[in-house]
N, C-alpha and C. Protein backbone atom coordinates (compact mmCIF):
# COMPACT_ATOMS: atom_id res chain seq x y z
N UNK A 1 0.85 -1.18 0.00
CA UNK A 1 0.00 0.00 0.00
C UNK A 1 0.89 1.24 0.00
N UNK A 2 0.66 2.15 -0.92
CA UNK A 2 1.50 3.35 -1.02
C UNK A 2 1.10 4.38 0.04
N UNK A 3 2.07 5.21 0.37
CA UNK A 3 1.84 6.27 1.35
C UNK A 3 0.96 7.35 0.74
N UNK A 4 0.06 7.90 1.53
CA UNK A 4 -0.84 8.95 1.08
C UNK A 4 -0.06 10.24 0.86
N UNK A 5 -0.26 10.90 -0.26
CA UNK A 5 0.40 12.17 -0.57
C UNK A 5 -0.67 13.25 -0.65
N UNK A 6 -0.40 14.39 -0.02
CA UNK A 6 -1.33 15.51 -0.04
C UNK A 6 -0.66 16.69 -0.73
N UNK A 7 -1.34 17.27 -1.69
CA UNK A 7 -0.78 18.38 -2.44
C UNK A 7 -1.08 19.73 -1.82
N UNK A 8 -0.56 20.78 -2.47
CA UNK A 8 -0.77 22.15 -1.99
C UNK A 8 -2.18 22.65 -2.29
N UNK A 9 -2.74 22.22 -3.40
CA UNK A 9 -4.03 22.74 -3.83
C UNK A 9 -5.18 21.99 -3.18
N UNK A 10 -6.22 22.73 -2.80
CA UNK A 10 -7.44 22.09 -2.32
C UNK A 10 -8.44 22.08 -3.47
N UNK A 11 -9.39 21.19 -3.52
CA UNK A 11 -9.66 20.15 -2.53
C UNK A 11 -8.67 18.99 -2.66
N UNK A 12 -8.25 18.49 -1.51
CA UNK A 12 -7.33 17.35 -1.46
C UNK A 12 -8.14 16.08 -1.26
N UNK A 13 -7.66 15.00 -1.85
CA UNK A 13 -8.31 13.71 -1.67
C UNK A 13 -7.80 13.15 -0.34
N UNK A 14 -8.70 13.04 0.62
CA UNK A 14 -8.35 12.56 1.95
C UNK A 14 -9.56 11.80 2.49
N UNK A 15 -9.55 10.46 2.39
CA UNK A 15 -10.71 9.67 2.83
C UNK A 15 -10.96 9.86 4.33
N UNK A 16 -12.21 9.79 4.73
CA UNK A 16 -12.56 10.03 6.14
C UNK A 16 -11.89 9.03 7.07
N UNK A 17 -11.67 7.81 6.60
CA UNK A 17 -11.05 6.79 7.45
C UNK A 17 -9.63 7.19 7.83
N UNK A 18 -8.97 7.99 6.99
CA UNK A 18 -7.60 8.43 7.27
C UNK A 18 -7.53 9.33 8.50
N UNK A 19 -8.60 10.04 8.82
CA UNK A 19 -8.59 10.92 9.99
C UNK A 19 -8.69 10.13 11.29
N UNK A 20 -9.07 8.87 11.22
CA UNK A 20 -9.30 8.08 12.42
C UNK A 20 -8.31 6.93 12.61
N UNK A 21 -7.77 6.39 11.55
CA UNK A 21 -6.97 5.16 11.63
C UNK A 21 -5.48 5.48 11.82
N UNK A 22 -4.94 5.20 12.99
CA UNK A 22 -3.51 5.28 13.24
C UNK A 22 -2.92 6.67 13.22
N UNK A 23 -3.68 7.69 13.51
CA UNK A 23 -3.17 9.05 13.45
C UNK A 23 -2.34 9.38 14.68
N UNK A 24 -1.34 10.26 14.49
CA UNK A 24 -0.47 10.66 15.58
C UNK A 24 -1.02 11.85 16.35
N UNK A 25 -2.01 12.55 15.77
CA UNK A 25 -2.56 13.69 16.49
C UNK A 25 -3.49 13.24 17.58
N UNK A 26 -3.65 14.06 18.58
CA UNK A 26 -4.52 13.75 19.70
C UNK A 26 -5.34 14.98 20.05
N UNK A 27 -6.54 14.76 20.49
CA UNK A 27 -7.40 15.85 20.92
C UNK A 27 -7.17 16.11 22.40
N UNK A 28 -6.89 17.36 22.80
CA UNK A 28 -6.70 17.64 24.22
C UNK A 28 -7.90 17.22 25.07
N UNK A 29 -9.10 17.46 24.61
CA UNK A 29 -10.28 17.08 25.40
C UNK A 29 -10.42 15.57 25.53
N UNK A 30 -10.01 14.84 24.51
CA UNK A 30 -10.03 13.38 24.62
C UNK A 30 -9.04 12.92 25.68
N UNK A 31 -7.90 13.57 25.75
CA UNK A 31 -6.92 13.23 26.79
C UNK A 31 -7.46 13.56 28.19
N UNK A 32 -8.16 14.67 28.31
CA UNK A 32 -8.74 15.03 29.61
C UNK A 32 -9.85 14.05 29.98
N UNK A 33 -10.59 13.56 28.99
CA UNK A 33 -11.60 12.53 29.25
C UNK A 33 -10.96 11.24 29.75
N UNK A 34 -9.81 10.89 29.19
CA UNK A 34 -9.08 9.71 29.67
C UNK A 34 -8.60 9.91 31.11
N UNK A 35 -8.14 11.12 31.39
CA UNK A 35 -7.70 11.45 32.75
C UNK A 35 -8.85 11.27 33.74
N UNK A 36 -10.02 11.80 33.37
CA UNK A 36 -11.20 11.68 34.22
C UNK A 36 -11.57 10.20 34.38
N UNK A 37 -11.47 9.43 33.32
CA UNK A 37 -11.79 8.00 33.39
C UNK A 37 -10.84 7.26 34.33
N UNK A 38 -9.56 7.62 34.30
CA UNK A 38 -8.60 6.99 35.20
C UNK A 38 -8.97 7.24 36.66
N UNK A 39 -9.26 8.48 37.00
CA UNK A 39 -9.62 8.79 38.39
C UNK A 39 -10.97 8.19 38.77
N UNK A 40 -11.86 8.04 37.79
CA UNK A 40 -13.14 7.40 38.05
C UNK A 40 -12.94 5.91 38.36
N UNK A 41 -12.06 5.25 37.63
CA UNK A 41 -11.78 3.83 37.90
C UNK A 41 -11.16 3.67 39.28
N UNK A 42 -10.25 4.57 39.64
CA UNK A 42 -9.67 4.52 40.99
C UNK A 42 -10.73 4.73 42.06
N UNK A 43 -11.67 5.62 41.80
CA UNK A 43 -12.77 5.86 42.74
C UNK A 43 -13.66 4.63 42.87
N UNK A 44 -13.94 3.97 41.76
CA UNK A 44 -14.74 2.75 41.80
C UNK A 44 -14.03 1.67 42.61
N UNK A 45 -12.73 1.51 42.37
CA UNK A 45 -11.97 0.49 43.11
C UNK A 45 -11.93 0.79 44.60
N UNK A 46 -11.63 2.03 44.96
CA UNK A 46 -11.59 2.38 46.39
C UNK A 46 -12.97 2.26 47.02
N UNK A 47 -13.99 2.67 46.30
CA UNK A 47 -15.35 2.54 46.83
C UNK A 47 -15.75 1.10 47.06
N UNK A 48 -15.35 0.24 46.13
CA UNK A 48 -15.65 -1.18 46.26
C UNK A 48 -14.86 -1.80 47.42
N UNK A 49 -13.55 -1.48 47.51
CA UNK A 49 -12.71 -2.04 48.56
C UNK A 49 -13.09 -1.54 49.95
N UNK A 50 -13.49 -0.29 50.05
CA UNK A 50 -13.86 0.29 51.34
C UNK A 50 -15.35 0.13 51.65
N UNK A 51 -16.07 -0.51 50.74
CA UNK A 51 -17.51 -0.70 50.89
C UNK A 51 -18.23 0.65 51.09
N UNK A 52 -17.83 1.61 50.26
CA UNK A 52 -18.39 2.96 50.32
C UNK A 52 -19.20 3.16 49.04
N UNK A 53 -20.53 3.01 49.16
CA UNK A 53 -21.41 3.04 48.00
C UNK A 53 -21.35 4.34 47.22
N UNK A 54 -21.32 5.47 47.91
CA UNK A 54 -21.32 6.76 47.23
C UNK A 54 -20.05 6.94 46.39
N UNK A 55 -18.92 6.48 46.90
CA UNK A 55 -17.65 6.64 46.20
C UNK A 55 -17.64 5.86 44.87
N UNK A 56 -18.08 4.60 44.89
CA UNK A 56 -18.06 3.85 43.63
C UNK A 56 -19.18 4.29 42.70
N UNK A 57 -20.29 4.79 43.24
CA UNK A 57 -21.36 5.30 42.38
C UNK A 57 -20.91 6.58 41.66
N UNK A 58 -20.25 7.47 42.40
CA UNK A 58 -19.71 8.66 41.75
C UNK A 58 -18.64 8.28 40.72
N UNK A 59 -17.82 7.30 41.06
CA UNK A 59 -16.81 6.83 40.12
C UNK A 59 -17.43 6.30 38.84
N UNK A 60 -18.54 5.57 38.98
CA UNK A 60 -19.23 5.03 37.80
C UNK A 60 -19.80 6.16 36.94
N UNK A 61 -20.38 7.17 37.58
CA UNK A 61 -20.91 8.32 36.83
C UNK A 61 -19.78 9.04 36.10
N UNK A 62 -18.67 9.30 36.82
CA UNK A 62 -17.55 10.00 36.19
C UNK A 62 -16.88 9.16 35.09
N UNK A 63 -16.92 7.85 35.23
CA UNK A 63 -16.38 6.98 34.18
C UNK A 63 -17.22 7.13 32.91
N UNK A 64 -18.53 7.14 33.04
CA UNK A 64 -19.40 7.32 31.88
C UNK A 64 -19.20 8.70 31.26
N UNK A 65 -19.04 9.72 32.09
CA UNK A 65 -18.80 11.08 31.59
C UNK A 65 -17.45 11.12 30.87
N UNK A 66 -16.42 10.51 31.45
CA UNK A 66 -15.09 10.49 30.84
C UNK A 66 -15.08 9.80 29.49
N UNK A 67 -15.76 8.66 29.41
CA UNK A 67 -15.83 7.92 28.15
C UNK A 67 -16.59 8.74 27.10
N UNK A 68 -17.65 9.41 27.51
CA UNK A 68 -18.42 10.24 26.59
C UNK A 68 -17.59 11.41 26.09
N UNK A 69 -16.89 12.09 26.99
CA UNK A 69 -16.04 13.22 26.60
C UNK A 69 -14.97 12.76 25.62
N UNK A 70 -14.32 11.64 25.94
CA UNK A 70 -13.27 11.12 25.07
C UNK A 70 -13.80 10.80 23.68
N UNK A 71 -14.92 10.10 23.61
CA UNK A 71 -15.49 9.73 22.32
C UNK A 71 -15.94 10.93 21.50
N UNK A 72 -16.66 11.84 22.12
CA UNK A 72 -17.14 13.03 21.40
C UNK A 72 -15.99 13.93 20.96
N UNK A 73 -15.01 14.12 21.84
CA UNK A 73 -13.87 14.98 21.49
C UNK A 73 -13.08 14.40 20.33
N UNK A 74 -12.88 13.09 20.34
CA UNK A 74 -12.16 12.44 19.25
C UNK A 74 -12.93 12.58 17.94
N UNK A 75 -14.22 12.31 17.99
CA UNK A 75 -15.04 12.41 16.78
C UNK A 75 -15.06 13.83 16.23
N UNK A 76 -15.35 14.81 17.07
CA UNK A 76 -15.47 16.19 16.60
C UNK A 76 -14.14 16.76 16.11
N UNK A 77 -13.06 16.50 16.84
CA UNK A 77 -11.77 17.05 16.40
C UNK A 77 -11.30 16.38 15.11
N UNK A 78 -11.52 15.08 14.96
CA UNK A 78 -11.11 14.41 13.73
C UNK A 78 -11.93 14.86 12.53
N UNK A 79 -13.22 15.11 12.72
CA UNK A 79 -14.04 15.62 11.62
C UNK A 79 -13.62 17.03 11.22
N UNK A 80 -13.27 17.85 12.21
CA UNK A 80 -12.78 19.21 11.93
C UNK A 80 -11.46 19.14 11.17
N UNK A 81 -10.57 18.25 11.60
CA UNK A 81 -9.28 18.11 10.93
C UNK A 81 -9.44 17.52 9.54
N UNK A 82 -10.39 16.64 9.36
CA UNK A 82 -10.69 16.08 8.04
C UNK A 82 -11.08 17.19 7.08
N UNK A 83 -11.95 18.08 7.53
CA UNK A 83 -12.38 19.21 6.69
C UNK A 83 -11.20 20.13 6.38
N UNK A 84 -10.36 20.39 7.39
CA UNK A 84 -9.19 21.24 7.18
C UNK A 84 -8.24 20.65 6.14
N UNK A 85 -7.96 19.37 6.24
CA UNK A 85 -7.04 18.74 5.29
C UNK A 85 -7.63 18.80 3.88
N UNK A 86 -8.90 18.54 3.76
CA UNK A 86 -9.52 18.54 2.43
C UNK A 86 -9.62 19.93 1.81
N UNK A 87 -9.97 20.94 2.61
CA UNK A 87 -10.33 22.25 2.05
C UNK A 87 -9.42 23.39 2.47
N UNK A 88 -8.48 23.16 3.35
CA UNK A 88 -7.68 24.25 3.89
C UNK A 88 -6.69 24.85 2.91
N UNK A 89 -6.31 26.09 3.20
CA UNK A 89 -5.29 26.78 2.43
C UNK A 89 -3.91 26.35 2.91
N UNK A 90 -2.99 26.17 2.00
CA UNK A 90 -1.65 25.72 2.32
C UNK A 90 -0.75 26.93 2.52
N UNK A 91 -0.05 26.99 3.66
CA UNK A 91 0.93 28.04 3.93
C UNK A 91 2.16 27.39 4.55
N UNK A 92 3.27 28.14 4.58
CA UNK A 92 4.49 27.66 5.21
C UNK A 92 4.46 28.04 6.69
N UNK A 93 4.94 27.13 7.53
CA UNK A 93 5.03 27.40 8.96
C UNK A 93 6.36 26.94 9.50
N UNK A 94 6.59 27.20 10.79
CA UNK A 94 7.82 26.78 11.43
C UNK A 94 7.52 26.30 12.84
N UNK A 95 8.16 25.19 13.24
CA UNK A 95 7.99 24.65 14.58
C UNK A 95 8.69 25.54 15.58
N UNK A 96 8.06 25.75 16.74
CA UNK A 96 8.63 26.60 17.77
C UNK A 96 9.06 25.83 19.00
N UNK A 97 8.15 25.06 19.58
CA UNK A 97 8.40 24.50 20.90
C UNK A 97 7.67 23.18 21.07
N UNK A 98 8.16 22.42 22.02
CA UNK A 98 7.54 21.15 22.41
C UNK A 98 7.35 21.17 23.92
N UNK A 99 6.12 20.93 24.38
CA UNK A 99 5.80 20.98 25.81
C UNK A 99 5.19 19.64 26.22
N UNK A 100 5.75 19.03 27.27
CA UNK A 100 5.21 17.78 27.81
C UNK A 100 3.89 18.07 28.52
N UNK A 101 2.86 17.28 28.29
CA UNK A 101 1.55 17.54 28.89
C UNK A 101 1.41 16.94 30.29
N UNK A 102 2.24 16.00 30.68
CA UNK A 102 2.26 15.40 32.03
C UNK A 102 0.87 14.94 32.49
N UNK A 103 0.40 13.92 31.86
CA UNK A 103 -0.90 13.35 32.21
C UNK A 103 -0.70 12.08 33.02
N UNK A 104 -1.57 11.87 34.02
CA UNK A 104 -1.44 10.71 34.90
C UNK A 104 -1.64 9.40 34.17
N UNK A 105 -2.59 9.36 33.24
CA UNK A 105 -2.86 8.09 32.57
C UNK A 105 -1.72 7.68 31.63
N UNK A 106 -0.75 8.56 31.38
CA UNK A 106 0.40 8.23 30.55
C UNK A 106 1.69 8.14 31.37
N UNK A 107 1.57 8.18 32.67
CA UNK A 107 2.73 8.27 33.55
C UNK A 107 3.69 7.08 33.38
N UNK A 108 3.18 5.90 33.23
CA UNK A 108 4.02 4.71 33.14
C UNK A 108 4.43 4.35 31.72
N UNK A 109 3.97 5.11 30.75
CA UNK A 109 4.30 4.81 29.36
C UNK A 109 5.67 5.39 29.01
N UNK A 110 6.27 4.86 28.00
CA UNK A 110 7.55 5.38 27.53
C UNK A 110 7.39 6.77 26.95
N UNK A 111 8.50 7.49 26.80
CA UNK A 111 8.46 8.87 26.33
C UNK A 111 7.85 8.98 24.93
N UNK A 112 8.06 8.00 24.09
CA UNK A 112 7.53 8.05 22.73
C UNK A 112 6.00 7.97 22.71
N UNK A 113 5.40 7.38 23.74
CA UNK A 113 3.96 7.20 23.78
C UNK A 113 3.23 8.34 24.47
N UNK A 114 3.94 9.20 25.15
CA UNK A 114 3.30 10.29 25.88
C UNK A 114 2.84 11.39 24.93
N UNK A 115 1.97 12.25 25.45
CA UNK A 115 1.44 13.35 24.66
C UNK A 115 2.24 14.62 24.89
N UNK A 116 2.53 15.31 23.79
CA UNK A 116 3.27 16.55 23.83
C UNK A 116 2.53 17.60 23.02
N UNK A 117 2.55 18.84 23.49
CA UNK A 117 1.94 19.94 22.76
C UNK A 117 3.02 20.57 21.89
N UNK A 118 2.80 20.60 20.58
CA UNK A 118 3.73 21.18 19.63
C UNK A 118 3.19 22.56 19.26
N UNK A 119 4.04 23.58 19.44
CA UNK A 119 3.66 24.95 19.08
C UNK A 119 4.39 25.33 17.80
N UNK A 120 3.69 26.05 16.94
CA UNK A 120 4.26 26.47 15.67
C UNK A 120 3.67 27.82 15.29
N UNK A 121 4.28 28.47 14.33
CA UNK A 121 3.73 29.73 13.83
C UNK A 121 3.75 29.71 12.30
N UNK A 122 2.91 30.56 11.74
CA UNK A 122 2.77 30.64 10.29
C UNK A 122 2.26 32.02 9.92
N UNK A 123 2.37 32.35 8.65
CA UNK A 123 1.89 33.63 8.16
C UNK A 123 0.70 33.38 7.24
N UNK A 124 -0.40 34.08 7.49
CA UNK A 124 -1.60 33.92 6.68
C UNK A 124 -1.41 34.59 5.32
N UNK A 125 -2.26 34.30 4.34
CA UNK A 125 -2.12 34.92 3.02
C UNK A 125 -2.22 36.45 3.05
N UNK A 126 -2.91 37.01 4.07
CA UNK A 126 -2.99 38.47 4.15
C UNK A 126 -1.88 39.07 5.01
N UNK A 127 -0.86 38.27 5.37
CA UNK A 127 0.33 38.79 6.03
C UNK A 127 0.35 38.76 7.55
N UNK A 128 -0.71 38.26 8.19
CA UNK A 128 -0.75 38.20 9.66
C UNK A 128 0.08 37.02 10.16
N UNK A 129 0.76 37.22 11.28
CA UNK A 129 1.45 36.11 11.95
C UNK A 129 0.48 35.45 12.91
N UNK A 130 0.36 34.14 12.85
CA UNK A 130 -0.54 33.38 13.71
C UNK A 130 0.25 32.29 14.42
N UNK A 131 -0.23 31.91 15.60
CA UNK A 131 0.34 30.81 16.37
C UNK A 131 -0.62 29.63 16.28
N UNK A 132 -0.08 28.45 16.27
CA UNK A 132 -0.89 27.25 16.29
C UNK A 132 -0.29 26.24 17.24
N UNK A 133 -1.10 25.28 17.64
CA UNK A 133 -0.59 24.19 18.48
C UNK A 133 -1.40 22.94 18.23
N UNK A 134 -0.71 21.81 18.38
CA UNK A 134 -1.33 20.50 18.24
C UNK A 134 -0.77 19.59 19.31
N UNK A 135 -1.51 18.54 19.63
CA UNK A 135 -1.04 17.54 20.57
C UNK A 135 -0.67 16.30 19.78
N UNK A 136 0.57 15.84 19.96
CA UNK A 136 1.11 14.70 19.22
C UNK A 136 1.86 13.78 20.17
N UNK A 137 2.20 12.60 19.68
CA UNK A 137 3.12 11.75 20.42
C UNK A 137 4.54 12.22 20.12
N UNK A 138 5.49 11.86 20.96
CA UNK A 138 6.86 12.35 20.83
C UNK A 138 7.53 11.89 19.54
N UNK A 139 7.31 10.66 19.14
CA UNK A 139 7.97 10.18 17.93
C UNK A 139 7.47 10.93 16.70
N UNK A 140 6.23 11.37 16.69
CA UNK A 140 5.73 12.17 15.57
C UNK A 140 6.43 13.52 15.53
N UNK A 141 6.62 14.12 16.70
CA UNK A 141 7.34 15.39 16.75
C UNK A 141 8.77 15.21 16.24
N UNK A 142 9.44 14.14 16.65
CA UNK A 142 10.81 13.90 16.21
C UNK A 142 10.87 13.77 14.69
N UNK A 143 9.88 13.13 14.09
CA UNK A 143 9.84 13.01 12.63
C UNK A 143 9.59 14.36 11.98
N UNK A 144 8.78 15.19 12.61
CA UNK A 144 8.52 16.54 12.09
C UNK A 144 9.75 17.43 12.21
N UNK A 145 10.45 17.32 13.33
CA UNK A 145 11.54 18.24 13.64
C UNK A 145 12.79 18.00 12.80
N UNK A 146 12.83 16.92 12.03
CA UNK A 146 14.00 16.69 11.16
C UNK A 146 14.17 17.83 10.18
N UNK A 147 13.07 18.45 9.76
CA UNK A 147 13.12 19.59 8.85
C UNK A 147 12.46 20.78 9.56
N UNK A 148 13.19 21.40 10.46
CA UNK A 148 12.64 22.49 11.27
C UNK A 148 12.48 23.79 10.50
N UNK A 149 13.10 23.90 9.33
CA UNK A 149 13.06 25.17 8.63
C UNK A 149 11.63 25.52 8.19
N UNK A 150 11.01 24.66 7.45
CA UNK A 150 9.66 24.93 6.94
C UNK A 150 8.81 23.68 7.09
N UNK A 151 7.59 23.86 7.57
CA UNK A 151 6.63 22.77 7.61
C UNK A 151 5.34 23.27 6.97
N UNK A 152 4.69 22.43 6.17
CA UNK A 152 3.42 22.85 5.58
C UNK A 152 2.31 22.89 6.62
N UNK A 153 1.52 23.94 6.58
CA UNK A 153 0.40 24.14 7.49
C UNK A 153 -0.83 24.39 6.63
N UNK A 154 -1.95 23.76 6.99
CA UNK A 154 -3.21 24.09 6.33
C UNK A 154 -4.04 24.92 7.30
N UNK A 155 -4.65 25.97 6.78
CA UNK A 155 -5.47 26.85 7.61
C UNK A 155 -6.88 26.92 7.04
N UNK A 156 -7.81 27.18 7.91
CA UNK A 156 -9.21 27.33 7.50
C UNK A 156 -9.33 28.63 6.71
N UNK A 157 -9.89 28.59 5.49
CA UNK A 157 -10.02 29.81 4.69
C UNK A 157 -10.89 30.87 5.37
N UNK A 158 -11.84 30.46 6.21
CA UNK A 158 -12.73 31.41 6.87
C UNK A 158 -12.23 31.87 8.23
N UNK A 159 -11.38 31.07 8.87
CA UNK A 159 -10.86 31.38 10.19
C UNK A 159 -9.38 31.03 10.20
N UNK A 160 -8.53 32.00 9.97
CA UNK A 160 -7.10 31.74 9.83
C UNK A 160 -6.44 31.27 11.12
N UNK A 161 -7.14 31.31 12.25
CA UNK A 161 -6.57 30.83 13.50
C UNK A 161 -6.70 29.31 13.63
N UNK A 162 -7.56 28.70 12.85
CA UNK A 162 -7.73 27.26 12.86
C UNK A 162 -6.74 26.65 11.88
N UNK A 163 -5.81 25.83 12.40
CA UNK A 163 -4.74 25.31 11.54
C UNK A 163 -4.39 23.89 11.92
N UNK A 164 -3.59 23.27 11.05
CA UNK A 164 -3.15 21.88 11.23
C UNK A 164 -1.84 21.70 10.48
N UNK A 165 -0.89 21.02 11.10
CA UNK A 165 0.35 20.67 10.41
C UNK A 165 0.03 19.60 9.37
N UNK A 166 0.22 19.92 8.11
CA UNK A 166 -0.21 19.03 7.03
C UNK A 166 0.54 17.70 7.04
N UNK A 167 1.81 17.71 7.39
CA UNK A 167 2.56 16.45 7.41
C UNK A 167 2.02 15.49 8.44
N UNK A 168 1.39 16.01 9.50
CA UNK A 168 0.82 15.16 10.53
C UNK A 168 -0.36 14.37 9.99
N UNK A 169 -1.05 14.92 8.99
CA UNK A 169 -2.22 14.25 8.42
C UNK A 169 -1.85 12.95 7.71
N UNK A 170 -0.62 12.81 7.25
CA UNK A 170 -0.23 11.59 6.56
C UNK A 170 0.60 10.66 7.43
N UNK A 171 0.97 11.09 8.63
CA UNK A 171 1.76 10.24 9.52
C UNK A 171 0.89 9.21 10.19
N UNK A 172 1.45 8.02 10.33
CA UNK A 172 0.80 6.97 11.11
C UNK A 172 1.66 6.73 12.34
N UNK A 173 1.06 6.22 13.40
CA UNK A 173 1.78 5.99 14.64
C UNK A 173 2.90 4.97 14.35
N UNK A 174 4.17 5.37 14.57
CA UNK A 174 5.26 4.46 14.25
C UNK A 174 5.56 3.45 15.36
N UNK A 175 4.97 3.60 16.52
CA UNK A 175 5.29 2.68 17.62
C UNK A 175 4.17 1.72 17.89
């Protein structure tokens, strides 16, 4: 199977399944939903072990809320990114910084599997400087950072603050 190539001109051919299968990008709200789910599971376990009905009942409610937040955030952010990849304007950008998100549910995972916030900047077609950020795994950032000079960025034609690193759209999780 050949690697997916995305051109500068929109509309780009980008099947919807590509936004969901093996992507390196992560939605911050989905990560927060996972965090809530972790603490909910701990609450359920402690409530069960201590025979404290209210504690495990609250844990069960928060687990359902966490799973719902994670699912909805993943769906909505991937659909937004799908639209951006297909219809967005192509501009040049540059990577600025990498920030570790320090989430509890990723505490025991290796550095390559943890979530990092990547900050970048780009110039819109009308000359404005804009900042963007995405949440990625570390190995995806390392693959991006090999060419720090210029990275392709797609921006929403109607809202230049909404952006996505175009190379991330074709990356699959390498680990």
